[in-house]
Amino acid sequence: MAVYFECVTRTAMSVEQLFEKSLSIDAHTASMAHSGEKAIGGVTAGGITLGEQVTWRARHFGIPFTMTSKITALDAPRSFTDQQQRGPFKFFRHEHEFIAARGETIMVDRIHFEAPLGPLGWIAERLVLGWYMPKLIRTRNEFLVS
């Protein structure tokens, strides 16, 4: 069964600024410096847009991972979606929504994922990934709005 969670981030940045920063490969790389995450294929610097892919290499829990994501939907500056094309998850989709409200921008991240390996994946989702993935998104978002 898939895991779903949301993260809500508020900032004084404009919707347009945060939308563009969220599509920046460079900003993502900087926000994930603790895991040594690097773009190694596809779009590796600057902004990414609809239909483009990026392949990331990172180390989590001391284990190297490679994941290719594609921007599968984009409605500038309101939303975009990236989905894993190849990588460690059975399924991974990240929806990003940007809302202007009362002089601030609200960014809502909706993440759906499922670990591979059947019952072992289910255990990993419950024991590790269920808390680790939201932590990664919050870390990324704190960087983006700083």
C-alpha atoms as a PDB file:
ATOM      1  CA  MET A   1       0.000   0.000   0.000  1.00  0.00           C
ATOM      2  CA  ALA A   2       1.331   3.457  -0.904  1.00  0.00           C
ATOM      3  CA  VAL A   3       2.367   6.124   1.583  1.00  0.00           C
ATOM      4  CA  TYR A   4       0.906   9.629   1.264  1.00  0.00           C
ATOM      5  CA  PHE A   5       1.842  12.797   3.118  1.00  0.00           C
ATOM      6  CA  GLU A   6       1.609  16.562   2.725  1.00  0.00           C
ATOM      7  CA  CYS A   7       3.939  19.358   3.787  1.00  0.00           C
ATOM      8  CA  VAL A   8       2.701  22.947   3.952  1.00  0.00           C
ATOM      9  CA  THR A   9       5.239  25.790   3.850  1.00  0.00           C
ATOM     10  CA  ARG A  10       4.479  29.519   4.144  1.00  0.00           C
ATOM     11  CA  THR A  11       6.714  32.349   2.983  1.00  0.00           C
ATOM     12  CA  ALA A  12       6.738  36.038   2.089  1.00  0.00           C
ATOM     13  CA  MET A  13       8.270  35.140  -1.315  1.00  0.00           C
ATOM     14  CA  SER A  14       6.007  35.642  -4.314  1.00  0.00           C
ATOM     15  CA  VAL A  15       4.349  32.621  -5.910  1.00  0.00           C
ATOM     16  CA  GLU A  16       6.409  33.224  -9.054  1.00  0.00           C
ATOM     17  CA  GLN A  17       9.727  33.373  -7.180  1.00  0.00           C
ATOM     18  CA  LEU A  18       9.062  30.212  -5.186  1.00  0.00           C
ATOM     19  CA  PHE A  19       7.728  28.364  -8.234  1.00  0.00           C
ATOM     20  CA  GLU A  20      10.910  29.123 -10.208  1.00  0.00           C
ATOM     21  CA  LYS A  21      13.178  28.280  -7.276  1.00  0.00           C
ATOM     22  CA  SER A  22      11.350  24.967  -6.808  1.00  0.00           C
ATOM     23  CA  LEU A  23      12.137  24.026 -10.423  1.00  0.00           C
ATOM     24  CA  SER A  24      15.829  24.887 -10.006  1.00  0.00           C
ATOM     25  CA  ILE A  25      18.227  21.950 -10.149  1.00  0.00           C
ATOM     26  CA  ASP A  26      20.868  24.126  -8.447  1.00  0.00           C
ATOM     27  CA  ALA A  27      18.573  25.013  -5.522  1.00  0.00           C
ATOM     28  CA  HIS A  28      17.591  21.364  -5.080  1.00  0.00           C
ATOM     29  CA  THR A  29      21.235  20.275  -5.077  1.00  0.00           C
ATOM     30  CA  ALA A  30      22.122  22.927  -2.478  1.00  0.00           C
ATOM     31  CA  SER A  31      19.148  21.951  -0.285  1.00  0.00           C
ATOM     32  CA  MET A  32      20.246  18.298  -0.274  1.00  0.00           C
ATOM     33  CA  ALA A  33      23.980  18.914   0.303  1.00  0.00           C
ATOM     34  CA  HIS A  34      23.859  16.730   3.450  1.00  0.00           C
ATOM     35  CA  SER A  35      23.157  13.664   1.278  1.00  0.00           C
ATOM     36  CA  GLY A  36      25.679  14.596  -1.413  1.00  0.00           C
ATOM     37  CA  GLU A  37      22.858  14.695  -3.938  1.00  0.00           C
ATOM     38  CA  LYS A  38      24.013  15.560  -7.467  1.00  0.00           C
ATOM     39  CA  ALA A  39      22.303  15.815 -10.832  1.00  0.00           C
ATOM     40  CA  ILE A  40      24.182  13.377 -13.082  1.00  0.00           C
ATOM     41  CA  GLY A  41      21.937  13.076 -16.131  1.00  0.00           C
ATOM     42  CA  GLY A  42      19.273  14.902 -18.107  1.00  0.00           C
ATOM     43  CA  VAL A  43      18.923  18.504 -16.941  1.00  0.00           C
ATOM     44  CA  THR A  44      21.839  18.946 -14.526  1.00  0.00           C
ATOM     45  CA  ALA A  45      21.788  22.730 -13.906  1.00  0.00           C
ATOM     46  CA  GLY A  46      19.391  25.670 -14.099  1.00  0.00           C
ATOM     47  CA  GLY A  47      15.652  25.186 -14.357  1.00  0.00           C
ATOM     48  CA  ILE A  48      13.738  22.111 -15.448  1.00  0.00           C
ATOM     49  CA  THR A  49      10.405  22.207 -17.252  1.00  0.00           C
ATOM     50  CA  LEU A  50       7.581  20.064 -18.606  1.00  0.00           C
ATOM     51  CA  GLY A  51       8.708  16.794 -20.176  1.00  0.00           C
ATOM     52  CA  GLU A  52      12.316  17.108 -19.021  1.00  0.00           C
ATOM     53  CA  GLN A  53      14.120  14.616 -16.801  1.00  0.00           C
ATOM     54  CA  VAL A  54      16.889  14.720 -14.245  1.00  0.00           C
ATOM     55  CA  THR A  55      18.839  11.792 -12.820  1.00  0.00           C
ATOM     56  CA  TRP A  56      19.971  12.242  -9.228  1.00  0.00           C
ATOM     57  CA  ARG A  57      22.632  10.373  -7.297  1.00  0.00           C
ATOM     58  CA  ALA A  58      22.563  10.605  -3.503  1.00  0.00           C
ATOM     59  CA  ARG A  59      23.529   8.713  -0.391  1.00  0.00           C
ATOM     60  CA  HIS A  60      20.903   8.012   2.281  1.00  0.00           C
ATOM     61  CA  PHE A  61      21.564   5.768   5.292  1.00  0.00           C
ATOM     62  CA  GLY A  62      25.043   5.245   3.841  1.00  0.00           C
ATOM     63  CA  ILE A  63      23.567   3.591   0.741  1.00  0.00           C
ATOM     64  CA  PRO A  64      24.005   5.126  -2.749  1.00  0.00           C
ATOM     65  CA  PHE A  65      20.775   5.683  -4.689  1.00  0.00           C
ATOM     66  CA  THR A  66      20.106   6.792  -8.263  1.00  0.00           C
ATOM     67  CA  MET A  67      16.693   8.121  -9.299  1.00  0.00           C
ATOM     68  CA  THR A  68      15.435   9.617 -12.564  1.00  0.00           C
ATOM     69  CA  SER A  69      12.486  11.992 -12.283  1.00  0.00           C
ATOM     70  CA  LYS A  70      10.427  13.650 -15.001  1.00  0.00           C
ATOM     71  CA  ILE A  71       8.254  16.765 -14.876  1.00  0.00           C
ATOM     72  CA  THR A  72       4.940  15.219 -15.941  1.00  0.00           C
ATOM     73  CA  ALA A  73       2.617  18.201 -15.360  1.00  0.00           C
ATOM     74  CA  LEU A  74       3.210  21.957 -15.174  1.00  0.00           C
ATOM     75  CA  ASP A  75       0.798  24.870 -14.767  1.00  0.00           C
ATOM     76  CA  ALA A  76       3.034  27.903 -14.156  1.00  0.00           C
ATOM     77  CA  PRO A  77       3.119  29.366 -11.577  1.00  0.00           C
ATOM     78  CA  ARG A  78       0.423  27.325  -9.809  1.00  0.00           C
ATOM     79  CA  SER A  79       1.678  23.743  -9.830  1.00  0.00           C
ATOM     80  CA  PHE A  80       3.932  21.057 -11.202  1.00  0.00           C
ATOM     81  CA  THR A  81       4.368  17.330 -10.706  1.00  0.00           C
ATOM     82  CA  ASP A  82       7.487  15.199 -10.852  1.00  0.00           C
ATOM     83  CA  GLN A  83       7.405  11.417 -11.048  1.00  0.00           C
ATOM     84  CA  GLN A  84      10.072   8.773 -10.732  1.00  0.00           C
ATOM     85  CA  GLN A  85      10.856   7.140 -14.076  1.00  0.00           C
ATOM     86  CA  ARG A  86      13.573   4.834 -12.715  1.00  0.00           C
ATOM     87  CA  GLY A  87      14.863   4.423  -9.198  1.00  0.00           C
ATOM     88  CA  PRO A  88      14.538   2.891  -5.781  1.00  0.00           C
ATOM     89  CA  PHE A  89      10.774   3.232  -5.343  1.00  0.00           C
ATOM     90  CA  LYS A  90       8.064   1.057  -6.825  1.00  0.00           C
ATOM     91  CA  PHE A  91       6.209   4.356  -7.345  1.00  0.00           C
ATOM     92  CA  PHE A  92       7.020   7.993  -6.456  1.00  0.00           C
ATOM     93  CA  ARG A  93       4.996  11.104  -7.343  1.00  0.00           C
ATOM     94  CA  HIS A  94       5.516  14.612  -5.930  1.00  0.00           C
ATOM     95  CA  GLU A  95       2.863  17.259  -6.594  1.00  0.00           C
ATOM     96  CA  HIS A  96       3.838  20.886  -5.864  1.00  0.00           C
ATOM     97  CA  GLU A  97       1.118  23.538  -5.459  1.00  0.00           C
ATOM     98  CA  PHE A  98       1.666  27.285  -4.949  1.00  0.00           C
ATOM     99  CA  ILE A  99      -1.103  29.502  -3.568  1.00  0.00           C
ATOM    100  CA  ALA A 100      -1.093  33.277  -3.047  1.00  0.00           C
ATOM    101  CA  ALA A 101      -3.032  34.113   0.131  1.00  0.00           C
ATOM    102  CA  ARG A 102      -3.139  37.263   2.274  1.00  0.00           C
ATOM    103  CA  GLY A 103       0.256  38.596   1.267  1.00  0.00           C
ATOM    104  CA  GLU A 104       2.103  35.293   1.493  1.00  0.00           C
ATOM    105  CA  THR A 105       2.718  32.206  -0.573  1.00  0.00           C
ATOM    106  CA  ILE A 106       1.605  28.795   0.605  1.00  0.00           C
ATOM    107  CA  MET A 107       3.456  25.882  -0.928  1.00  0.00           C
ATOM    108  CA  VAL A 108       1.806  22.482  -0.567  1.00  0.00           C
ATOM    109  CA  ASP A 109       3.818  19.343  -1.320  1.00  0.00           C
ATOM    110  CA  ARG A 110       1.812  16.166  -1.818  1.00  0.00           C
ATOM    111  CA  ILE A 111       3.929  13.030  -1.971  1.00  0.00           C
ATOM    112  CA  HIS A 112       2.763   9.522  -2.877  1.00  0.00           C
ATOM    113  CA  PHE A 113       5.258   6.676  -2.844  1.00  0.00           C
ATOM    114  CA  GLU A 114       5.540   2.951  -2.471  1.00  0.00           C
ATOM    115  CA  ALA A 115       8.655   0.996  -1.608  1.00  0.00           C
ATOM    116  CA  PRO A 116       9.521  -2.119  -3.628  1.00  0.00           C
ATOM    117  CA  LEU A 117       9.961  -5.630  -2.208  1.00  0.00           C
ATOM    118  CA  GLY A 118       6.408  -6.355  -1.069  1.00  0.00           C
ATOM    119  CA  PRO A 119       6.229  -7.073   2.684  1.00  0.00           C
ATOM    120  CA  LEU A 120       9.829  -5.905   3.262  1.00  0.00           C
ATOM    121  CA  GLY A 121       9.010  -2.613   1.516  1.00  0.00           C
ATOM    122  CA  TRP A 122       5.895  -2.222   3.647  1.00  0.00           C
ATOM    123  CA  ILE A 123       8.045  -2.616   6.780  1.00  0.00           C
ATOM    124  CA  ALA A 124      10.582  -0.058   5.443  1.00  0.00           C
ATOM    125  CA  GLU A 125       7.728   2.393   4.756  1.00  0.00           C
ATOM    126  CA  ARG A 126       6.423   2.088   8.312  1.00  0.00           C
ATOM    127  CA  LEU A 127       9.734   1.998  10.189  1.00  0.00           C
ATOM    128  CA  VAL A 128      11.917   4.414   8.190  1.00  0.00           C
ATOM    129  CA  LEU A 129      10.519   6.054   5.074  1.00  0.00           C
ATOM    130  CA  GLY A 130       7.328   7.299   6.737  1.00  0.00           C
ATOM    131  CA  TRP A 131       9.312   9.742   8.917  1.00  0.00           C
ATOM    132  CA  TYR A 132      12.431  10.183   6.761  1.00  0.00           C
ATOM    133  CA  MET A 133      10.731  11.371   3.569  1.00  0.00           C
ATOM    134  CA  PRO A 134       8.722  14.193   5.234  1.00  0.00           C
ATOM    135  CA  LYS A 135      11.944  15.280   6.973  1.00  0.00           C
ATOM    136  CA  LEU A 136      13.708  15.518   3.576  1.00  0.00           C
ATOM    137  CA  ILE A 137      10.882  17.618   2.115  1.00  0.00           C
ATOM    138  CA  ARG A 138      10.852  19.961   5.142  1.00  0.00           C
ATOM    139  CA  THR A 139      14.646  20.384   4.867  1.00  0.00           C
ATOM    140  CA  ARG A 140      14.341  21.191   1.153  1.00  0.00           C
ATOM    141  CA  ASN A 141      11.514  23.662   1.780  1.00  0.00           C
ATOM    142  CA  GLU A 142      13.341  25.461   4.593  1.00  0.00           C
ATOM    143  CA  PHE A 143      16.211  26.016   2.170  1.00  0.00           C
ATOM    144  CA  LEU A 144      13.912  27.224  -0.626  1.00  0.00           C
ATOM    145  CA  VAL A 145      12.204  29.873   1.508  1.00  0.00           C
ATOM    146  CA  SER A 146      15.353  31.100   3.273  1.00  0.00           C
END
